[in-house]
N, C-alpha and C. Protein backbone atom coordinates (compact mmCIF):
# COMPACT_ATOMS: atom_id res chain seq x y z
N UNK A 1 -5.75 11.79 14.15
CA UNK A 1 -7.15 11.34 12.86
C UNK A 1 -7.61 9.65 12.92
N UNK A 2 -5.95 9.49 12.31
CA UNK A 2 -5.64 8.17 11.49
C UNK A 2 -6.59 7.45 12.49
N UNK A 3 -5.61 6.95 13.48
CA UNK A 3 -5.32 5.94 14.80
C UNK A 3 -7.15 6.36 15.74
N UNK A 4 -7.39 7.63 15.80
CA UNK A 4 -8.93 7.76 16.05
C UNK A 4 -9.81 6.18 15.19
N UNK A 5 -9.85 7.07 13.98
CA UNK A 5 -10.87 6.19 12.89
C UNK A 5 -10.29 4.47 13.24
N UNK A 6 -9.15 4.18 13.39
CA UNK A 6 -8.43 2.99 13.41
C UNK A 6 -9.14 2.45 15.21
N UNK A 7 -9.50 3.01 16.00
CA UNK A 7 -9.98 2.60 17.11
C UNK A 7 -11.72 2.55 17.54
N UNK A 8 -11.96 2.90 16.52
CA UNK A 8 -13.52 3.16 16.48
C UNK A 8 -13.95 1.57 15.93
N UNK A 9 -12.65 0.99 14.75
CA UNK A 9 -13.48 0.02 14.37
C UNK A 9 -12.77 -1.34 15.68
N UNK A 10 -11.33 -0.98 16.06
CA UNK A 10 -11.44 -2.44 17.20
C UNK A 10 -11.95 -1.89 18.46
N UNK A 11 -11.85 -1.27 18.98
CA UNK A 11 -12.55 -0.94 20.51
C UNK A 11 -13.92 -0.63 21.11
N UNK A 12 -14.80 -1.06 21.26
CA UNK A 12 -15.83 -0.11 22.04
C UNK A 12 -15.96 0.75 22.28
N UNK A 13 -16.53 2.30 22.69
CA UNK A 13 -17.13 3.71 22.57
C UNK A 13 -15.68 3.85 23.57
N UNK A 14 -15.96 3.48 24.52
CA UNK A 14 -15.53 3.65 25.80
C UNK A 14 -14.72 3.12 26.58
N UNK A 15 -13.70 2.50 25.37
CA UNK A 15 -12.48 2.10 25.85
C UNK A 15 -11.59 3.24 25.65
N UNK A 16 -10.60 2.71 27.03
CA UNK A 16 -9.30 3.40 27.14
C UNK A 16 -8.46 2.67 26.38
N UNK A 17 -7.37 3.19 25.17
CA UNK A 17 -6.39 2.84 24.50
C UNK A 17 -5.43 3.97 24.15
N UNK A 18 -4.42 3.31 23.90
CA UNK A 18 -3.42 4.73 23.25
C UNK A 18 -2.34 3.22 22.35
N UNK A 19 -1.51 4.31 21.55
CA UNK A 19 -1.00 4.31 20.47
C UNK A 19 0.47 3.58 20.13
N UNK A 20 0.80 2.49 20.40
CA UNK A 20 2.35 2.07 20.47
C UNK A 20 3.34 2.02 18.76
N UNK A 21 4.06 2.59 18.54
CA UNK A 21 5.03 2.62 16.97
C UNK A 21 5.81 1.38 16.59
N UNK A 22 5.40 1.21 15.74
CA UNK A 22 6.76 -0.11 15.12
C UNK A 22 6.80 -0.55 16.07
N UNK A 23 6.25 -1.76 16.02
CA UNK A 23 6.15 -2.70 16.92
C UNK A 23 6.42 -4.35 16.22
N UNK A 24 7.39 -4.51 16.53
CA UNK A 24 8.20 -5.66 15.90
C UNK A 24 7.12 -7.17 16.29
N UNK A 25 6.65 -7.78 15.34
CA UNK A 25 6.28 -9.32 15.17
C UNK A 25 6.93 -9.70 14.29
N UNK A 26 7.19 -10.70 15.58
CA UNK A 26 7.77 -12.37 15.54
C UNK A 26 6.75 -13.57 14.61
N UNK A 27 7.66 -14.56 14.20
CA UNK A 27 6.89 -15.34 14.03
C UNK A 27 6.73 -16.68 14.80
N UNK A 28 6.85 -18.10 14.31
CA UNK A 28 6.51 -18.91 15.64
C UNK A 28 7.99 -19.11 16.10
N UNK A 29 9.19 -19.21 15.42
CA UNK A 29 10.48 -19.18 15.17
C UNK A 29 11.00 -18.12 16.25
N UNK A 30 10.45 -17.34 15.39
CA UNK A 30 11.57 -16.75 16.52
C UNK A 30 11.66 -14.92 15.41
N UNK A 31 11.38 -15.57 14.53
CA UNK A 31 11.98 -14.38 13.08
C UNK A 31 10.87 -13.77 12.95
N UNK A 32 11.27 -12.25 12.43
CA UNK A 32 10.94 -11.07 12.21
C UNK A 32 9.84 -11.00 11.51
N UNK A 33 8.63 -10.82 11.45
CA UNK A 33 7.94 -10.67 9.78
C UNK A 33 8.00 -9.94 9.68
N UNK A 34 8.37 -8.88 10.33
CA UNK A 34 8.27 -7.43 9.95
C UNK A 34 7.53 -6.44 10.87
N UNK A 35 7.76 -4.89 11.07
CA UNK A 35 7.53 -4.32 12.38
C UNK A 35 6.18 -3.75 11.55
N UNK A 36 5.06 -3.32 12.92
CA UNK A 36 3.58 -2.42 12.78
C UNK A 36 3.44 -1.43 13.11
N UNK A 37 3.09 -0.69 12.07
CA UNK A 37 3.18 0.51 11.96
C UNK A 37 2.79 1.48 13.00
N UNK A 38 1.39 0.78 13.66
CA UNK A 38 1.06 1.32 15.01
C UNK A 38 0.17 -0.07 15.52
N UNK A 39 0.87 0.12 16.37
CA UNK A 39 -0.11 -1.18 17.39
C UNK A 39 -1.34 -0.20 18.61
N UNK A 40 -2.50 -1.02 18.13
CA UNK A 40 -3.19 0.03 19.47
C UNK A 40 -3.76 -0.86 20.31
N UNK A 41 -3.75 0.04 21.59
CA UNK A 41 -3.88 -1.28 22.92
C UNK A 41 -4.75 -0.47 23.46
N UNK A 42 -6.32 -1.45 24.40
CA UNK A 42 -7.34 -1.33 25.37
C UNK A 42 -6.34 -1.66 26.53
N UNK A 43 -6.51 -0.96 27.08
CA UNK A 43 -6.18 -0.99 28.92
C UNK A 43 -7.04 -1.20 29.33
N UNK A 44 -7.23 -1.60 30.73
CA UNK A 44 -8.41 -1.24 32.20
C UNK A 44 -8.15 -0.19 32.69
N UNK A 45 -8.55 0.06 34.34
CA UNK A 45 -8.36 0.73 34.90
C UNK A 45 -7.17 0.88 35.28
N UNK A 46 -6.18 -0.31 35.47
CA UNK A 46 -4.97 -0.80 36.50
C UNK A 46 -3.84 -0.60 35.37
N UNK A 47 -4.42 -0.45 34.35
CA UNK A 47 -3.17 -0.45 32.93
C UNK A 47 -2.47 -1.22 32.65
N UNK A 48 -3.62 -2.64 32.63
CA UNK A 48 -3.38 -3.69 31.70
C UNK A 48 -3.86 -4.06 30.47
N UNK A 49 -2.80 -4.24 29.19
CA UNK A 49 -3.58 -4.20 28.24
C UNK A 49 -4.51 -5.49 27.67
N UNK A 50 -5.73 -5.30 27.60
CA UNK A 50 -6.50 -6.63 27.21
C UNK A 50 -7.37 -6.78 25.84
N UNK A 51 -7.06 -6.36 24.57
CA UNK A 51 -7.16 -5.54 23.46
C UNK A 51 -5.97 -5.17 22.65
N UNK A 52 -6.18 -5.60 21.61
CA UNK A 52 -4.85 -4.62 20.68
C UNK A 52 -5.97 -5.12 19.32
N UNK A 53 -5.25 -3.97 17.85
CA UNK A 53 -5.45 -3.86 16.86
C UNK A 53 -4.22 -3.30 16.26
N UNK A 54 -4.27 -3.81 14.98
CA UNK A 54 -2.88 -3.33 13.96
C UNK A 54 -3.22 -2.53 12.52
N UNK A 55 -2.75 -1.28 13.26
CA UNK A 55 -2.71 0.46 12.00
C UNK A 55 -1.66 -0.35 10.95
N UNK A 56 -1.46 -0.26 9.93
CA UNK A 56 -0.69 -0.04 8.55
C UNK A 56 -1.01 1.33 7.69
N UNK A 57 -0.24 2.29 7.29
CA UNK A 57 -0.25 3.18 6.71
C UNK A 57 0.36 2.93 5.80
N UNK A 58 -0.19 2.89 4.86
CA UNK A 58 0.00 2.29 2.87
C UNK A 58 0.49 3.51 2.84
N UNK A 59 1.84 3.69 2.31
CA UNK A 59 2.44 5.33 1.38
C UNK A 59 2.29 4.48 0.16
N UNK A 60 2.66 5.61 -1.37
CA UNK A 60 2.88 5.01 -2.32
C UNK A 60 4.26 5.07 -2.73
N UNK A 61 4.84 4.35 -3.33
CA UNK A 61 6.05 3.97 -4.35
C UNK A 61 5.83 4.68 -5.10
N UNK A 62 6.80 5.57 -5.80
CA UNK A 62 7.02 7.15 -6.92
C UNK A 62 7.99 6.46 -7.87
N UNK A 63 7.51 6.47 -8.86
CA UNK A 63 8.40 6.32 -10.06
C UNK A 63 9.09 7.62 -10.45
N UNK A 64 9.83 8.42 -11.63
CA UNK A 64 10.57 9.36 -11.60
C UNK A 64 11.69 9.87 -10.70
N UNK A 65 11.84 11.24 -10.88
CA UNK A 65 12.70 11.56 -10.57
C UNK A 65 12.63 12.70 -10.01
N UNK A 66 13.25 13.29 -8.02
CA UNK A 66 12.34 14.70 -7.80
C UNK A 66 14.22 15.01 -7.39
N UNK A 67 15.08 14.69 -7.72
CA UNK A 67 16.73 14.98 -7.03
C UNK A 67 16.69 15.93 -8.24
N UNK A 68 16.60 15.55 -9.21
CA UNK A 68 17.17 16.81 -10.55
C UNK A 68 16.19 18.15 -10.02
N UNK A 69 14.81 18.40 -10.69
CA UNK A 69 14.70 19.14 -9.92
C UNK A 69 14.29 19.87 -9.30
N UNK A 70 14.92 19.42 -7.39
CA UNK A 70 14.98 20.56 -6.80
C UNK A 70 16.24 21.16 -6.43
N UNK A 71 17.53 19.86 -6.97
CA UNK A 71 18.73 20.85 -7.42
C UNK A 71 18.78 21.95 -8.77
N UNK A 72 17.72 22.06 -9.58
CA UNK A 72 17.62 22.57 -10.31
C UNK A 72 16.87 24.37 -9.99
N UNK A 73 16.24 24.10 -8.87
CA UNK A 73 15.42 25.14 -7.95
C UNK A 73 16.66 25.63 -7.33
N UNK A 74 17.24 25.11 -6.61
CA UNK A 74 18.08 25.34 -5.20
C UNK A 74 19.12 26.03 -5.66
N UNK A 75 19.65 26.32 -7.05
CA UNK A 75 20.48 26.98 -7.75
C UNK A 75 19.90 28.17 -7.76
N UNK A 76 18.80 28.47 -7.82
CA UNK A 76 18.22 29.85 -7.70
C UNK A 76 16.79 29.82 -7.41
N UNK A 77 16.74 30.13 -6.22
CA UNK A 77 14.99 29.85 -5.87
C UNK A 77 14.38 30.89 -6.20
N UNK A 78 14.74 31.98 -6.10
CA UNK A 78 13.93 33.57 -6.17
C UNK A 78 13.31 33.30 -7.69
N UNK A 79 14.02 33.25 -8.61
CA UNK A 79 13.77 32.87 -10.14
C UNK A 79 13.26 31.73 -10.71
N UNK A 80 13.23 30.53 -9.63
CA UNK A 80 13.03 29.16 -10.28
C UNK A 80 11.88 28.61 -9.36
N UNK A 81 11.35 29.65 -8.35
CA UNK A 81 10.00 29.00 -7.16
C UNK A 81 9.13 28.43 -8.01
N UNK A 82 8.79 29.26 -9.23
CA UNK A 82 7.56 28.87 -10.36
C UNK A 82 7.61 28.35 -10.95
N UNK A 83 8.57 27.17 -11.49
CA UNK A 83 8.90 26.64 -12.37
C UNK A 83 7.98 25.18 -12.23
N UNK A 84 7.76 25.08 -13.89
CA UNK A 84 6.61 23.77 -14.22
C UNK A 84 7.75 23.09 -14.43
N UNK A 85 7.86 21.46 -14.20
CA UNK A 85 8.59 20.40 -14.35
C UNK A 85 7.29 19.38 -14.93
N UNK A 86 6.34 19.66 -15.05
CA UNK A 86 5.39 18.70 -14.98
C UNK A 86 5.36 17.79 -16.58
N UNK A 87 5.76 18.54 -17.63
CA UNK A 87 6.02 18.40 -18.79
C UNK A 87 7.46 17.34 -19.23
N UNK A 88 8.47 17.78 -18.67
CA UNK A 88 9.71 16.38 -18.20
C UNK A 88 9.36 14.97 -18.30
N UNK A 89 10.11 14.53 -18.89
CA UNK A 89 9.54 12.99 -18.80
C UNK A 89 10.06 12.31 -17.95
N UNK A 90 10.82 12.80 -16.58
CA UNK A 90 11.02 12.24 -15.86
C UNK A 90 10.02 12.67 -14.39
N UNK A 91 9.13 13.20 -15.07
CA UNK A 91 7.98 13.49 -13.63
C UNK A 91 8.09 12.72 -12.70
N UNK A 92 7.65 12.99 -11.53
CA UNK A 92 7.67 11.79 -10.67
C UNK A 92 5.98 11.16 -10.56
N UNK A 93 5.50 10.29 -10.81
CA UNK A 93 4.40 9.86 -10.89
C UNK A 93 3.72 9.11 -9.58
N UNK A 94 2.50 8.09 -8.95
CA UNK A 94 2.74 7.35 -8.11
C UNK A 94 2.49 6.18 -8.93
N UNK A 95 3.31 5.01 -8.12
CA UNK A 95 3.51 3.98 -8.75
C UNK A 95 2.63 2.59 -7.98
N UNK A 96 1.24 2.64 -8.57
CA UNK A 96 0.30 1.67 -7.49
C UNK A 96 0.61 0.53 -7.57
N UNK A 97 1.10 -0.29 -8.88
CA UNK A 97 0.86 -1.41 -9.35
C UNK A 97 2.44 -2.30 -8.36
N UNK A 98 3.35 -1.37 -7.94
CA UNK A 98 4.75 -1.92 -6.98
C UNK A 98 4.30 -1.51 -5.67
N UNK A 99 3.60 -1.07 -5.71
CA UNK A 99 3.06 -0.44 -4.07
C UNK A 99 2.05 -1.47 -3.44
N UNK A 100 1.31 -2.01 -4.28
CA UNK A 100 0.65 -3.32 -3.92
C UNK A 100 1.18 -4.27 -4.19
N UNK A 101 2.25 -4.47 -4.49
CA UNK A 101 2.59 -5.78 -5.10
C UNK A 101 3.55 -5.92 -3.78
N UNK A 102 4.74 -5.26 -3.73
CA UNK A 102 5.44 -4.60 -3.23
C UNK A 102 5.49 -4.46 -1.78
N UNK A 103 4.36 -3.97 -1.70
CA UNK A 103 4.14 -3.61 0.17
C UNK A 103 3.20 -3.55 0.39
N UNK A 104 1.68 -3.65 0.14
CA UNK A 104 0.56 -3.85 0.32
C UNK A 104 0.40 -6.02 0.78
N UNK A 105 0.42 -6.37 -0.31
CA UNK A 105 0.59 -8.10 -0.44
C UNK A 105 1.29 -8.50 0.45
N UNK A 106 2.61 -8.42 0.77
CA UNK A 106 3.87 -8.81 1.63
C UNK A 106 2.92 -8.47 3.12
N UNK A 107 2.55 -7.71 3.56
CA UNK A 107 2.09 -7.74 4.74
C UNK A 107 0.99 -8.01 5.24
N UNK A 108 0.30 -7.77 3.78
CA UNK A 108 -0.85 -8.83 4.26
C UNK A 108 -0.93 -9.86 5.00
N UNK A 109 -0.16 -10.82 3.81
CA UNK A 109 0.61 -12.51 3.88
C UNK A 109 0.97 -12.36 5.07
N UNK A 110 1.94 -11.72 5.46
CA UNK A 110 2.81 -12.26 6.37
C UNK A 110 2.46 -11.66 7.89
N UNK A 111 2.52 -10.40 8.12
CA UNK A 111 2.15 -9.76 9.59
C UNK A 111 0.30 -9.91 9.24
N UNK A 112 0.01 -9.62 8.36
CA UNK A 112 -1.86 -9.94 8.61
C UNK A 112 -2.37 -11.29 8.94
N UNK A 113 -1.07 -12.15 8.40
CA UNK A 113 -1.57 -13.38 8.81
C UNK A 113 -1.66 -14.11 9.78
N UNK A 114 -0.46 -13.44 10.66
CA UNK A 114 0.07 -13.39 12.15
C UNK A 114 -1.46 -13.23 12.73
N UNK A 115 -1.66 -12.39 12.49
CA UNK A 115 -2.86 -11.29 13.26
C UNK A 115 -4.25 -11.96 12.70
N UNK A 116 -4.62 -12.46 11.99
CA UNK A 116 -5.57 -12.50 11.13
C UNK A 116 -5.86 -14.20 12.53
N UNK A 117 -4.24 -14.98 12.22
CA UNK A 117 -4.32 -16.46 13.16
C UNK A 117 -5.24 -16.32 14.84
N UNK A 118 -4.40 -15.02 15.34
CA UNK A 118 -4.63 -14.57 17.04
C UNK A 118 -6.13 -13.72 16.62
N UNK A 119 -6.94 -13.46 15.17
CA UNK A 119 -8.24 -13.03 15.54
C UNK A 119 -7.71 -11.54 15.59
N UNK A 120 -6.95 -10.66 15.87
CA UNK A 120 -6.97 -9.55 15.80
C UNK A 120 -7.42 -8.46 14.69
N UNK A 121 -7.75 -7.91 14.78
CA UNK A 121 -8.08 -6.97 13.46
C UNK A 121 -6.98 -6.04 13.34
N UNK A 122 -7.46 -5.98 11.57
CA UNK A 122 -5.78 -4.92 11.10
C UNK A 122 -6.94 -3.29 10.47
N UNK A 123 -6.48 -2.29 10.72
CA UNK A 123 -6.60 -1.42 9.62
C UNK A 123 -5.42 -0.68 8.68
N UNK A 124 -6.41 -0.49 8.04
CA UNK A 124 -5.39 -0.12 6.32
C UNK A 124 -5.15 0.64 5.87
N UNK A 125 -4.94 1.82 6.21
CA UNK A 125 -4.77 3.83 5.56
C UNK A 125 -4.28 3.72 4.67
N UNK A 126 -5.08 4.31 4.07
CA UNK A 126 -4.76 4.39 2.30
C UNK A 126 -5.52 6.14 1.53
N UNK A 127 -4.58 5.98 0.70
CA UNK A 127 -4.99 6.90 -0.05
C UNK A 127 -6.54 7.05 -0.90
N UNK A 128 -7.31 7.40 -1.13
CA UNK A 128 -8.35 7.47 -2.24
C UNK A 128 -7.13 6.68 -3.64
N UNK A 129 -6.62 7.32 -4.06
CA UNK A 129 -6.30 7.31 -5.92
C UNK A 129 -5.49 5.58 -5.48
N UNK A 130 -4.80 5.34 -4.73
CA UNK A 130 -4.16 4.25 -4.44
C UNK A 130 -5.30 2.84 -4.07
N UNK A 131 -6.49 3.35 -3.43
CA UNK A 131 -7.85 2.20 -3.15
C UNK A 131 -8.32 1.83 -4.72
N UNK A 132 -8.20 2.98 -5.22
CA UNK A 132 -8.87 2.90 -6.77
C UNK A 132 -8.08 1.75 -7.24
N UNK A 133 -7.55 1.74 -7.70
CA UNK A 133 -6.62 0.69 -8.31
C UNK A 133 -6.57 -0.10 -7.92
N UNK A 134 -7.54 -0.87 -6.52
CA UNK A 134 -7.43 -2.14 -5.71
C UNK A 134 -8.54 -3.19 -7.27
N UNK A 135 -8.13 -4.35 -6.85
CA UNK A 135 -9.23 -5.11 -7.25
C UNK A 135 -10.84 -4.82 -6.17
N UNK A 136 -11.35 -4.61 -6.79
CA UNK A 136 -12.85 -4.63 -5.82
C UNK A 136 -13.15 -5.76 -5.20
N UNK A 137 -13.55 -5.50 -3.55
CA UNK A 137 -13.56 -6.70 -2.94
C UNK A 137 -15.35 -6.44 -2.47
N UNK A 138 -15.34 -7.44 -1.45
CA UNK A 138 -16.69 -7.69 -1.16
C UNK A 138 -17.00 -7.12 0.60
N UNK A 139 -17.67 -6.16 0.71
CA UNK A 139 -17.57 -5.71 1.81
C UNK A 139 -18.53 -6.55 2.90
N UNK A 140 -18.28 -6.30 4.09
CA UNK A 140 -19.17 -7.11 5.32
C UNK A 140 -19.94 -6.01 6.17
N UNK A 141 -20.10 -6.00 7.05
CA UNK A 141 -21.00 -5.18 8.08
C UNK A 141 -19.58 -5.30 8.99
N UNK A 142 -19.34 -3.56 9.64
CA UNK A 142 -18.54 -3.70 10.45
C UNK A 142 -18.52 -4.60 11.49
N UNK A 143 -19.20 -5.57 12.61
CA UNK A 143 -19.17 -6.64 12.92
C UNK A 143 -18.55 -7.65 12.26
N UNK A 144 -18.68 -8.07 11.56
CA UNK A 144 -18.09 -8.96 10.84
C UNK A 144 -16.46 -8.91 10.29
N UNK A 145 -16.30 -7.99 10.32
CA UNK A 145 -15.58 -7.50 9.25
C UNK A 145 -13.87 -7.62 10.79
N UNK A 146 -12.77 -7.82 9.36
CA UNK A 146 -11.15 -8.31 9.60
C UNK A 146 -10.51 -8.01 9.30
N UNK A 147 -10.56 -6.75 8.37
CA UNK A 147 -9.95 -5.49 7.90
C UNK A 147 -10.93 -4.21 7.95
N UNK A 148 -10.23 -3.10 8.29
CA UNK A 148 -10.98 -2.11 7.93
C UNK A 148 -9.97 -1.10 6.51
N UNK A 149 -11.09 -0.99 5.41
CA UNK A 149 -9.93 0.11 4.44
C UNK A 149 -9.52 1.26 5.24
N UNK A 150 -9.38 2.29 5.22
CA UNK A 150 -9.69 3.75 5.51
C UNK A 150 -9.08 3.98 4.69
N UNK A 151 -10.31 5.78 3.53
CA UNK A 151 -9.55 5.46 2.63
C UNK A 151 -9.77 7.39 2.89
N UNK A 152 -8.68 7.81 2.49
CA UNK A 152 -8.40 9.51 2.92
C UNK A 152 -7.64 9.95 1.37
N UNK A 153 -8.64 11.03 1.57
CA UNK A 153 -7.68 12.51 0.44
C UNK A 153 -7.38 13.32 0.83
N UNK A 154 -6.66 14.50 0.21
CA UNK A 154 -6.49 15.79 -0.07
C UNK A 154 -7.77 16.68 -0.24
N UNK A 155 -8.35 17.25 0.57
CA UNK A 155 -9.35 18.18 0.49
C UNK A 155 -9.38 19.87 0.41
N UNK A 156 -9.40 20.34 -0.49
CA UNK A 156 -8.81 21.86 -0.37
C UNK A 156 -9.84 22.60 0.04
N UNK A 157 -9.99 23.41 0.96
CA UNK A 157 -10.86 24.28 1.83
C UNK A 157 -9.97 26.10 1.90
N UNK A 158 -11.13 26.77 2.24
CA UNK A 158 -10.32 27.77 2.34
C UNK A 158 -10.51 28.18 3.92
N UNK A 159 -9.18 28.44 4.30
CA UNK A 159 -9.02 29.13 5.75
C UNK A 159 -8.45 30.54 6.02
N UNK A 160 -9.43 31.22 6.40
CA UNK A 160 -9.01 32.42 6.94
C UNK A 160 -8.68 33.06 5.51
N UNK A 161 -9.39 32.97 4.66
CA UNK A 161 -9.09 33.64 3.25
C UNK A 161 -7.50 33.07 2.25
N UNK A 162 -7.27 31.88 2.96
CA UNK A 162 -6.34 31.31 2.17
C UNK A 162 -6.81 29.64 2.18
N UNK A 163 -6.27 29.38 0.52
CA UNK A 163 -6.43 28.13 0.19
C UNK A 163 -5.65 27.04 0.90
N UNK A 164 -6.07 25.79 1.59
CA UNK A 164 -5.18 25.18 1.92
C UNK A 164 -5.24 23.51 1.82
N UNK A 165 -4.61 22.56 1.94
CA UNK A 165 -5.40 20.87 1.76
C UNK A 165 -5.05 20.79 3.17
N UNK A 166 -5.89 19.98 3.27
CA UNK A 166 -6.96 19.25 4.71
C UNK A 166 -6.66 17.62 3.89
N UNK A 167 -6.22 16.63 5.29
CA UNK A 167 -6.65 15.61 4.88
C UNK A 167 -8.34 14.92 5.74
N UNK A 168 -8.98 14.04 4.94
CA UNK A 168 -10.11 13.89 5.72
C UNK A 168 -10.25 12.47 4.79
N UNK A 169 -10.78 11.57 5.88
CA UNK A 169 -11.34 10.42 5.30
C UNK A 169 -12.81 10.43 4.81
N UNK A 170 -12.42 9.95 3.69
CA UNK A 170 -13.57 9.54 2.62
C UNK A 170 -15.09 9.00 2.94
N UNK A 171 -14.18 7.74 3.23
CA UNK A 171 -14.82 7.00 2.92
C UNK A 171 -14.15 5.16 3.89
N UNK A 172 -14.83 4.13 4.05
CA UNK A 172 -14.16 3.15 4.42
C UNK A 172 -14.95 2.04 4.32
N UNK A 173 -14.01 0.22 4.20
CA UNK A 173 -14.54 -0.19 3.24
C UNK A 173 -13.87 -1.57 4.75
N UNK A 174 -14.98 -2.01 4.97
CA UNK A 174 -15.00 -3.16 5.51
C UNK A 174 -14.71 -5.02 5.41
N UNK A 175 -13.98 -5.66 5.11
CA UNK A 175 -13.84 -6.89 4.93
C UNK A 175 -13.52 -7.85 5.70
N UNK A 176 -13.38 -9.20 5.42
CA UNK A 176 -12.80 -10.00 5.65
C UNK A 176 -11.80 -10.45 5.44
N UNK A 177 -10.70 -11.18 6.26
CA UNK A 177 -9.56 -11.13 5.49
C UNK A 177 -9.15 -12.29 4.46
N UNK A 178 -9.03 -13.45 4.77
CA UNK A 178 -9.13 -14.28 3.23
C UNK A 178 -9.85 -14.26 2.20
N UNK A 179 -10.63 -13.47 2.27
CA UNK A 179 -11.56 -13.34 0.74
C UNK A 179 -10.96 -11.81 -0.04
N UNK A 180 -10.24 -11.16 1.24
CA UNK A 180 -9.72 -9.51 0.76
C UNK A 180 -8.71 -10.41 0.09
N UNK A 181 -8.18 -10.84 1.31
CA UNK A 181 -6.30 -11.68 0.55
C UNK A 181 -6.09 -12.15 -0.38
N UNK A 182 -7.60 -13.04 -1.15
CA UNK A 182 -7.55 -13.77 -2.23
C UNK A 182 -7.47 -12.74 -3.84
N UNK A 183 -8.23 -11.96 -3.30
CA UNK A 183 -8.85 -11.05 -4.67
C UNK A 183 -7.59 -10.08 -5.11
N UNK A 184 -7.01 -9.81 -3.94
CA UNK A 184 -5.66 -8.64 -4.13
C UNK A 184 -4.58 -8.80 -4.83
N UNK A 185 -4.45 -11.12 -4.59
CA UNK A 185 -3.41 -11.08 -5.01
C UNK A 185 -3.35 -12.39 -5.87
N UNK A 186 -4.97 -12.74 -6.57
CA UNK A 186 -5.05 -13.21 -7.76
C UNK A 186 -4.74 -12.17 -8.79
N UNK A 187 -4.24 -12.51 -9.74
CA UNK A 187 -4.04 -11.90 -10.74
C UNK A 187 -5.10 -12.10 -11.93
N UNK A 188 -5.27 -10.46 -12.57
CA UNK A 188 -6.38 -11.14 -14.23
C UNK A 188 -5.21 -11.18 -15.46
N UNK A 189 -5.50 -12.55 -15.43
CA UNK A 189 -4.79 -12.87 -16.77
C UNK A 189 -5.48 -12.69 -18.08
N UNK A 190 -4.34 -11.47 -18.85
CA UNK A 190 -4.35 -11.44 -20.16
C UNK A 190 -4.83 -12.57 -20.88
N UNK A 191 -5.19 -12.37 -21.71
CA UNK A 191 -5.28 -13.43 -22.96
C UNK A 191 -3.85 -13.67 -24.08
N UNK A 192 -4.22 -14.93 -23.65
CA UNK A 192 -3.12 -15.88 -24.21
C UNK A 192 -2.76 -15.82 -25.66
N UNK A 193 -3.60 -15.50 -25.61
CA UNK A 193 -3.13 -14.95 -27.42
C UNK A 193 -2.10 -13.97 -27.95
N UNK A 194 -2.22 -13.15 -27.23
CA UNK A 194 -1.60 -12.19 -27.03
C UNK A 194 -0.18 -12.31 -26.76
N UNK A 195 0.29 -13.30 -25.65
CA UNK A 195 1.37 -13.60 -25.63
C UNK A 195 1.93 -14.28 -26.29
N UNK A 196 1.03 -15.28 -27.14
CA UNK A 196 1.79 -16.13 -27.73
C UNK A 196 2.42 -15.15 -29.35
N UNK A 197 1.17 -14.22 -29.40
CA UNK A 197 2.14 -13.03 -30.41
C UNK A 197 2.71 -12.61 -30.23
N UNK A 198 3.39 -11.74 -28.95
CA UNK A 198 4.77 -11.37 -28.27
C UNK A 198 4.85 -12.22 -28.68
N UNK A 199 5.47 -13.67 -28.03
CA UNK A 199 6.70 -14.58 -28.63
C UNK A 199 6.96 -14.74 -29.96
N UNK A 200 6.05 -14.95 -30.96
CA UNK A 200 6.49 -14.53 -32.18
C UNK A 200 7.44 -13.42 -32.62
N UNK A 201 6.83 -12.45 -32.46
CA UNK A 201 7.26 -10.88 -32.68
C UNK A 201 8.78 -11.84 -32.11
N UNK A 202 9.04 -11.85 -30.65
CA UNK A 202 10.51 -11.57 -30.11
C UNK A 202 11.23 -13.38 -31.17
N UNK A 203 10.62 -14.19 -31.03
CA UNK A 203 11.45 -14.95 -31.94
C UNK A 203 11.56 -14.80 -33.46
N UNK A 204 11.04 -13.65 -34.18
CA UNK A 204 10.52 -13.81 -35.37
C UNK A 204 12.09 -12.71 -35.94
N UNK A 205 12.59 -11.51 -34.45
CA UNK A 205 13.68 -10.87 -34.36
C UNK A 205 14.58 -11.51 -34.25
N UNK A 206 14.40 -12.72 -33.52
CA UNK A 206 15.77 -13.53 -33.17
C UNK A 206 16.20 -14.60 -34.42
N UNK A 207 15.57 -14.65 -34.97
CA UNK A 207 15.71 -15.73 -36.58
C UNK A 207 16.42 -13.93 -38.03
N UNK A 208 15.96 -13.43 -37.49
CA UNK A 208 16.49 -12.32 -38.68
C UNK A 208 17.60 -11.88 -38.20
N UNK A 209 18.30 -11.92 -36.90
CA UNK A 209 19.57 -12.31 -36.67
C UNK A 209 19.65 -12.91 -36.00
N UNK A 210 20.16 -14.44 -36.19
CA UNK A 210 20.41 -15.67 -35.50
C UNK A 210 21.89 -15.57 -34.96
N UNK A 211 22.23 -15.80 -33.43
CA UNK A 211 23.44 -16.09 -32.76
C UNK A 211 23.97 -16.73 -33.54
N UNK A 212 25.92 -16.74 -33.25
CA UNK A 212 26.75 -17.75 -33.63
C UNK A 212 26.43 -18.83 -33.21
N UNK A 213 25.75 -19.36 -32.02
CA UNK A 213 25.80 -20.76 -31.29
C UNK A 213 24.38 -20.43 -31.38
N UNK A 214 23.23 -21.71 -32.55
CA UNK A 214 22.27 -21.93 -32.14
C UNK A 214 22.61 -23.21 -30.91
N UNK A 215 23.19 -24.03 -31.20
CA UNK A 215 23.39 -25.06 -30.28
C UNK A 215 24.60 -25.42 -29.87
N UNK A 216 24.12 -26.55 -29.13
CA UNK A 216 26.01 -27.33 -28.20
C UNK A 216 25.87 -28.69 -28.70
N UNK A 217 26.39 -28.61 -30.17
CA UNK A 217 26.49 -30.12 -30.86
C UNK A 217 27.44 -31.24 -29.70
N UNK A 218 28.48 -30.51 -28.90
CA UNK A 218 29.12 -31.20 -28.47
C UNK A 218 29.72 -31.11 -27.13
N UNK A 219 29.11 -31.48 -25.79
CA UNK A 219 29.14 -31.18 -24.42
C UNK A 219 31.10 -31.23 -24.01
N UNK A 220 31.66 -32.11 -24.62
CA UNK A 220 32.70 -32.70 -23.82
C UNK A 220 33.63 -32.85 -25.28
């Protein structure tokens, strides 16, 4: 489903295309900029590649612990199948900030920078919760876009009397490369006064319990 959505952004409707996974991307010095999750290639009737686009599927880091509850469950699966761990302090939760700073931004900077210099399009697939944490980006029409943000979520549906979750694309946003990168990589600064107050608090704590060696009077 995701590759179909990406292909509709990369190629004409009647194009023949296929997908290749984990394709290494090198810079001009032959050093790797990382692997592209999926490269969609369009080919002619003789099987020759004439165009391609890059699809990155952005997963989300979690903070918390999943090993401890699993070990607890596996000790007595029958009686602990309905255990509720959500009130525990290490209950896992999405770490969107790390996901954007450590995954999304570096990939756009390095892999995305190379692809954009080649004037090749990029599709980024991510879940709605992650996308909602990103700064608002200025959208453009599909024909002028360098990046397609493919936004998905789980939808609870009834299927033959059973409730189950299905992945659905709920939105797509088209942006240019450089404006989107600038917005994502530019931090929103807090108030200077608040940071100075924090420094003052830490200094006051330090002065109340001064270290043994405040200064170095003689180096030699």
